[in-house]
N, C-alpha and C. Protein backbone atom coordinates (compact mmCIF):
# COMPACT_ATOMS: atom_id res chain seq x y z
N SER A 1 -5.96 18.43 0.78
CA SER A 1 -7.46 18.65 0.68
C SER A 1 -8.15 18.01 1.84
N HIS A 2 -9.42 18.40 2.08
CA HIS A 2 -10.23 17.85 3.09
C HIS A 2 -11.18 16.87 2.65
N GLY A 3 -11.56 16.00 3.49
CA GLY A 3 -12.59 14.97 3.09
C GLY A 3 -11.96 13.63 2.96
N VAL A 4 -12.70 12.68 2.30
CA VAL A 4 -12.30 11.29 2.26
C VAL A 4 -11.72 11.06 0.76
N SER A 5 -10.60 10.31 0.68
CA SER A 5 -10.11 10.04 -0.65
C SER A 5 -10.83 8.84 -1.29
N GLY A 6 -10.69 8.62 -2.55
CA GLY A 6 -11.39 7.68 -3.24
C GLY A 6 -10.70 6.33 -3.29
N SER A 7 -11.31 5.38 -3.96
CA SER A 7 -10.75 4.00 -4.05
C SER A 7 -10.29 3.83 -5.46
N VAL A 8 -9.33 2.89 -5.69
CA VAL A 8 -8.93 2.42 -7.03
C VAL A 8 -9.07 0.94 -7.00
N SER A 9 -9.77 0.44 -8.01
CA SER A 9 -9.96 -1.00 -8.24
C SER A 9 -9.49 -1.42 -9.55
N ILE A 10 -8.64 -2.48 -9.48
CA ILE A 10 -8.16 -3.06 -10.77
C ILE A 10 -8.60 -4.52 -10.80
N GLY A 11 -9.33 -4.89 -11.76
CA GLY A 11 -9.72 -6.31 -11.81
C GLY A 11 -10.13 -6.76 -13.19
N THR A 12 -10.33 -8.10 -13.29
CA THR A 12 -10.80 -8.70 -14.48
C THR A 12 -12.21 -9.00 -14.34
N GLY A 13 -12.91 -9.15 -15.45
CA GLY A 13 -14.36 -9.41 -15.35
C GLY A 13 -14.63 -10.88 -15.00
N PRO A 14 -15.80 -11.26 -14.58
CA PRO A 14 -16.16 -12.65 -14.24
C PRO A 14 -16.26 -13.46 -15.51
N SER A 15 -16.15 -14.75 -15.37
CA SER A 15 -16.33 -15.67 -16.48
C SER A 15 -17.34 -16.73 -16.16
N LYS A 16 -18.27 -17.01 -17.13
CA LYS A 16 -19.14 -18.09 -16.87
C LYS A 16 -18.81 -19.30 -17.73
N ALA A 17 -17.82 -19.18 -18.61
CA ALA A 17 -17.46 -20.36 -19.46
C ALA A 17 -15.92 -20.29 -19.65
N GLY A 18 -15.16 -20.77 -18.61
CA GLY A 18 -13.69 -20.78 -18.73
C GLY A 18 -13.06 -19.98 -17.64
N ASN A 19 -11.74 -19.85 -17.80
CA ASN A 19 -10.92 -19.09 -16.79
C ASN A 19 -11.19 -17.63 -16.81
N SER A 20 -11.10 -16.93 -15.70
CA SER A 20 -11.11 -15.48 -15.80
C SER A 20 -9.70 -14.99 -16.12
N GLY A 21 -9.59 -13.75 -16.46
CA GLY A 21 -8.25 -13.23 -16.82
C GLY A 21 -7.35 -13.04 -15.68
N GLY A 22 -6.08 -12.84 -15.93
CA GLY A 22 -5.02 -12.61 -14.91
C GLY A 22 -4.67 -11.12 -14.94
N ILE A 23 -3.93 -10.74 -13.88
CA ILE A 23 -3.43 -9.42 -13.78
C ILE A 23 -1.84 -9.48 -13.61
N ILE A 24 -1.12 -8.76 -14.39
CA ILE A 24 0.34 -8.68 -14.21
C ILE A 24 0.76 -7.26 -13.97
N ILE A 25 1.56 -7.04 -12.90
CA ILE A 25 2.21 -5.79 -12.68
C ILE A 25 3.73 -6.07 -12.74
N GLU A 26 4.35 -5.34 -13.74
CA GLU A 26 5.70 -5.74 -14.05
C GLU A 26 6.51 -4.52 -14.50
N THR A 27 7.73 -4.40 -14.03
CA THR A 27 8.56 -3.39 -14.50
C THR A 27 9.30 -3.86 -15.76
N GLY A 28 9.84 -2.85 -16.54
CA GLY A 28 10.50 -3.25 -17.79
C GLY A 28 11.91 -3.86 -17.52
N LYS A 29 12.31 -4.67 -18.49
CA LYS A 29 13.72 -5.24 -18.52
C LYS A 29 14.65 -4.17 -18.85
N THR A 30 15.80 -4.27 -18.21
CA THR A 30 16.89 -3.25 -18.50
C THR A 30 18.13 -4.03 -19.01
N TYR A 31 18.85 -3.37 -19.85
CA TYR A 31 20.06 -4.04 -20.30
C TYR A 31 21.27 -3.30 -19.82
N ASP A 32 21.12 -2.24 -19.15
CA ASP A 32 22.28 -1.50 -18.53
C ASP A 32 21.92 -0.80 -17.30
N GLY A 33 21.49 -1.57 -16.22
CA GLY A 33 21.16 -0.93 -14.95
C GLY A 33 20.26 -1.88 -14.18
N LYS A 34 19.74 -1.31 -12.99
CA LYS A 34 18.87 -2.14 -12.12
C LYS A 34 17.47 -2.03 -12.50
N SER A 35 16.74 -3.09 -12.49
CA SER A 35 15.31 -3.03 -12.79
C SER A 35 14.61 -2.30 -11.72
N GLY A 36 13.43 -1.77 -12.07
CA GLY A 36 12.62 -0.89 -11.10
C GLY A 36 12.01 -1.80 -10.05
N ASP A 37 11.77 -1.11 -8.91
CA ASP A 37 11.11 -1.76 -7.78
C ASP A 37 9.56 -1.63 -7.98
N ILE A 38 8.89 -2.51 -7.30
CA ILE A 38 7.40 -2.40 -7.14
C ILE A 38 7.12 -2.24 -5.69
N SER A 39 6.41 -1.23 -5.34
CA SER A 39 6.03 -1.03 -3.93
C SER A 39 4.55 -0.98 -3.76
N ILE A 40 4.03 -1.63 -2.72
CA ILE A 40 2.63 -1.51 -2.36
C ILE A 40 2.63 -0.88 -0.97
N LEU A 41 2.08 0.37 -0.84
CA LEU A 41 2.20 1.00 0.35
C LEU A 41 0.83 1.47 0.92
N ASN A 42 0.57 1.57 2.14
CA ASN A 42 -0.64 2.20 2.69
C ASN A 42 -0.21 3.63 3.16
N GLY A 43 -1.11 4.54 3.08
CA GLY A 43 -0.89 5.91 3.49
C GLY A 43 -0.83 5.96 5.08
N ASP A 44 -0.23 7.05 5.51
CA ASP A 44 -0.25 7.26 7.04
C ASP A 44 -1.55 7.85 7.43
N GLY A 45 -1.89 7.57 8.72
CA GLY A 45 -3.11 8.13 9.33
C GLY A 45 -2.90 8.72 10.67
N ASN A 46 -3.78 9.57 11.18
CA ASN A 46 -3.61 10.17 12.52
C ASN A 46 -4.48 9.44 13.56
N TYR A 47 -5.51 8.76 13.12
CA TYR A 47 -6.49 8.11 14.07
C TYR A 47 -6.64 6.67 13.62
N PHE A 48 -7.03 5.87 14.70
CA PHE A 48 -7.36 4.46 14.46
C PHE A 48 -6.12 3.69 14.15
N ASP A 49 -6.24 2.37 13.79
CA ASP A 49 -5.12 1.58 13.39
C ASP A 49 -4.63 1.88 12.04
N GLY A 50 -3.44 1.47 11.71
CA GLY A 50 -3.03 1.67 10.32
C GLY A 50 -3.72 0.69 9.35
N GLY A 51 -3.68 1.09 8.07
CA GLY A 51 -4.43 0.17 7.08
C GLY A 51 -3.73 -1.13 6.85
N ASP A 52 -4.45 -2.19 6.54
CA ASP A 52 -3.92 -3.49 6.36
C ASP A 52 -3.68 -3.71 4.82
N ILE A 53 -2.83 -4.72 4.54
CA ILE A 53 -2.60 -5.15 3.23
C ILE A 53 -2.95 -6.62 3.25
N PHE A 54 -3.86 -7.09 2.30
CA PHE A 54 -4.27 -8.41 2.25
C PHE A 54 -3.83 -9.03 1.05
N LEU A 55 -3.23 -10.21 1.12
CA LEU A 55 -2.97 -11.03 -0.06
C LEU A 55 -3.81 -12.30 0.11
N THR A 56 -4.72 -12.63 -0.76
CA THR A 56 -5.58 -13.70 -0.63
C THR A 56 -5.67 -14.46 -1.90
N ALA A 57 -5.25 -15.73 -1.85
CA ALA A 57 -5.35 -16.60 -3.03
C ALA A 57 -6.73 -16.97 -3.33
N GLY A 58 -7.02 -17.53 -4.53
CA GLY A 58 -8.32 -17.84 -4.93
C GLY A 58 -8.89 -19.07 -4.24
N ARG A 59 -10.11 -19.19 -4.06
CA ARG A 59 -10.86 -20.34 -3.53
C ARG A 59 -11.52 -21.08 -4.61
N THR A 60 -11.76 -22.34 -4.29
CA THR A 60 -12.45 -23.20 -5.36
C THR A 60 -13.56 -23.92 -4.59
N SER A 61 -14.62 -24.21 -5.28
CA SER A 61 -15.70 -25.01 -4.67
C SER A 61 -15.76 -26.40 -5.40
N GLU A 62 -14.86 -26.69 -6.26
CA GLU A 62 -14.84 -27.98 -6.88
C GLU A 62 -14.28 -29.05 -5.95
N PRO A 63 -14.94 -30.22 -5.84
CA PRO A 63 -14.42 -31.25 -4.97
C PRO A 63 -13.03 -31.71 -5.32
N ALA A 64 -12.30 -32.13 -4.44
CA ALA A 64 -10.97 -32.80 -4.60
C ALA A 64 -9.97 -31.82 -5.11
N ARG A 65 -10.24 -30.45 -5.04
CA ARG A 65 -9.21 -29.46 -5.45
C ARG A 65 -8.82 -28.59 -4.25
N HIS A 66 -7.86 -27.86 -4.37
CA HIS A 66 -7.39 -26.94 -3.29
C HIS A 66 -7.43 -25.49 -3.68
N GLY A 67 -7.45 -24.66 -2.73
CA GLY A 67 -7.47 -23.20 -2.92
C GLY A 67 -6.12 -22.81 -3.53
N GLY A 68 -6.11 -21.62 -4.06
CA GLY A 68 -4.82 -21.06 -4.68
C GLY A 68 -3.75 -20.88 -3.65
N ARG A 69 -2.50 -20.87 -4.21
CA ARG A 69 -1.35 -20.69 -3.36
C ARG A 69 -0.83 -19.16 -3.33
N ILE A 70 -0.13 -18.77 -2.36
CA ILE A 70 0.59 -17.59 -2.34
C ILE A 70 2.01 -17.94 -2.30
N VAL A 71 2.76 -17.58 -3.34
CA VAL A 71 4.10 -17.92 -3.52
C VAL A 71 5.04 -16.67 -3.50
N LEU A 72 5.93 -16.62 -2.56
CA LEU A 72 6.92 -15.55 -2.44
C LEU A 72 8.24 -16.17 -2.88
N THR A 73 8.86 -15.56 -3.85
CA THR A 73 10.17 -16.06 -4.35
C THR A 73 11.21 -14.93 -4.49
N GLY A 74 12.26 -15.11 -3.79
CA GLY A 74 13.35 -14.16 -4.02
C GLY A 74 13.90 -14.14 -5.42
N GLY A 75 14.58 -13.14 -5.81
CA GLY A 75 15.08 -12.99 -7.18
C GLY A 75 16.20 -13.93 -7.50
N GLU A 76 16.43 -14.38 -8.66
CA GLU A 76 17.41 -15.29 -9.08
C GLU A 76 18.66 -14.47 -9.41
N GLY A 77 19.78 -14.94 -8.84
CA GLY A 77 21.13 -14.41 -9.24
C GLY A 77 21.65 -15.27 -10.38
N SER A 78 21.46 -14.83 -11.68
CA SER A 78 21.63 -15.74 -12.74
C SER A 78 23.05 -15.79 -13.31
N SER A 79 24.04 -15.03 -12.72
CA SER A 79 25.31 -15.06 -13.24
C SER A 79 25.97 -16.36 -12.88
N SER A 80 26.59 -16.98 -13.89
CA SER A 80 27.38 -18.21 -13.63
C SER A 80 28.83 -18.00 -13.59
N HIS A 81 29.22 -16.77 -13.31
CA HIS A 81 30.70 -16.46 -13.18
C HIS A 81 31.38 -17.38 -12.16
N SER A 82 32.57 -17.84 -12.58
CA SER A 82 33.26 -18.81 -11.73
C SER A 82 33.79 -18.23 -10.48
N LYS A 83 34.24 -17.01 -10.44
CA LYS A 83 34.76 -16.40 -9.18
C LYS A 83 33.82 -15.91 -8.19
N ASP A 84 32.66 -15.25 -8.72
CA ASP A 84 31.62 -14.79 -7.81
C ASP A 84 30.36 -14.70 -8.61
N GLY A 85 29.68 -15.80 -8.83
CA GLY A 85 28.40 -15.80 -9.53
C GLY A 85 27.33 -15.10 -8.79
N GLY A 86 26.17 -15.07 -9.39
CA GLY A 86 25.03 -14.39 -8.79
C GLY A 86 24.47 -15.17 -7.54
N ASP A 87 24.01 -14.40 -6.55
CA ASP A 87 23.37 -14.93 -5.38
C ASP A 87 21.85 -14.65 -5.50
N GLY A 88 21.14 -15.62 -4.94
CA GLY A 88 19.61 -15.45 -4.91
C GLY A 88 19.28 -14.38 -3.93
N GLY A 89 18.18 -13.75 -4.16
CA GLY A 89 17.70 -12.63 -3.34
C GLY A 89 16.96 -13.23 -2.12
N PRO A 90 17.05 -12.65 -0.91
CA PRO A 90 16.35 -13.15 0.23
C PRO A 90 14.85 -12.75 0.24
N ILE A 91 14.13 -13.45 1.12
CA ILE A 91 12.81 -13.01 1.49
C ILE A 91 12.81 -12.54 2.95
N ILE A 92 12.45 -11.28 3.11
CA ILE A 92 12.61 -10.63 4.40
C ILE A 92 11.14 -10.23 4.91
N ILE A 93 10.79 -10.68 6.04
CA ILE A 93 9.57 -10.36 6.60
C ILE A 93 9.86 -9.73 8.00
N THR A 94 9.32 -8.55 8.20
CA THR A 94 9.64 -7.82 9.52
C THR A 94 8.33 -7.24 10.04
N GLY A 95 8.14 -7.50 11.30
CA GLY A 95 7.00 -6.86 11.99
C GLY A 95 7.25 -5.36 12.20
N GLY A 96 6.17 -4.61 12.44
CA GLY A 96 6.24 -3.22 12.57
C GLY A 96 6.98 -2.76 13.84
N GLU A 97 7.64 -1.58 13.68
CA GLU A 97 8.39 -1.03 14.86
C GLU A 97 7.40 -0.29 15.73
N ALA A 98 7.64 -0.42 17.07
CA ALA A 98 6.91 0.34 18.04
C ALA A 98 7.68 1.59 18.44
N LYS A 99 6.98 2.69 18.25
CA LYS A 99 7.66 4.00 18.52
C LYS A 99 7.12 4.49 19.95
N GLY A 100 6.22 3.83 20.61
CA GLY A 100 5.72 4.28 21.87
C GLY A 100 6.79 4.28 22.94
N GLU A 101 6.65 5.18 23.98
CA GLU A 101 7.64 5.28 24.95
C GLU A 101 7.26 4.57 26.26
N ASN A 102 6.11 3.81 26.23
CA ASN A 102 5.74 2.98 27.35
C ASN A 102 6.42 1.61 27.30
N SER A 103 6.80 1.08 28.47
CA SER A 103 7.54 -0.22 28.47
C SER A 103 6.60 -1.32 27.92
N ASN A 104 5.25 -1.20 27.89
CA ASN A 104 4.48 -2.20 27.33
C ASN A 104 4.27 -2.04 25.86
N ASP A 105 4.75 -1.00 25.15
CA ASP A 105 4.70 -0.96 23.76
C ASP A 105 5.68 -1.93 23.14
N SER A 106 5.21 -2.69 22.12
CA SER A 106 6.12 -3.67 21.49
C SER A 106 5.92 -3.69 20.05
N GLY A 107 7.01 -4.13 19.29
CA GLY A 107 6.94 -4.32 17.83
C GLY A 107 5.94 -5.33 17.39
N GLY A 108 5.62 -5.33 16.15
CA GLY A 108 4.69 -6.27 15.64
C GLY A 108 5.22 -7.65 15.59
N ASN A 109 4.34 -8.62 15.87
CA ASN A 109 4.78 -10.10 15.89
C ASN A 109 4.87 -10.58 14.48
N PHE A 110 5.51 -11.73 14.30
CA PHE A 110 5.54 -12.49 13.12
C PHE A 110 4.77 -13.79 13.47
N GLU A 111 3.60 -13.98 12.85
CA GLU A 111 2.75 -15.08 13.24
C GLU A 111 2.46 -15.96 12.00
N VAL A 112 2.50 -17.31 12.23
CA VAL A 112 2.30 -18.20 11.16
C VAL A 112 1.17 -19.13 11.65
N TYR A 113 0.12 -19.36 10.86
CA TYR A 113 -0.96 -20.19 11.21
C TYR A 113 -1.29 -21.18 10.11
N GLY A 114 -1.54 -22.40 10.41
CA GLY A 114 -1.96 -23.38 9.41
C GLY A 114 -3.51 -23.24 9.21
N GLY A 115 -3.99 -23.80 8.16
CA GLY A 115 -5.44 -23.80 7.93
C GLY A 115 -6.22 -24.67 8.91
N SER A 116 -7.45 -24.37 9.06
CA SER A 116 -8.19 -25.11 10.04
C SER A 116 -9.11 -26.23 9.30
């Protein structure tokens, strides 16, 4: 179709007396197979830069407290089998691939910054 696509917003309401609600996105447990994947993807575009994905933890204005954490944890390999038990899952971070044919085209960087 032609035109601009819409937005989807999932959120909990504000709270004036206590904690606000949480959001859980979870696949179901399986007893005879692999659990489902969860993917967060941006669509492709023809013009301008590609869309960004932002993960931002909560902020606080209370003195002597710190902002929320972002925690990435690989999956647990929970088998205790003595010959070949479970292995933990890796955390893989990869910069974007450059498909340009110019020698100045380069893949995306991996950048880490501390707070200021």
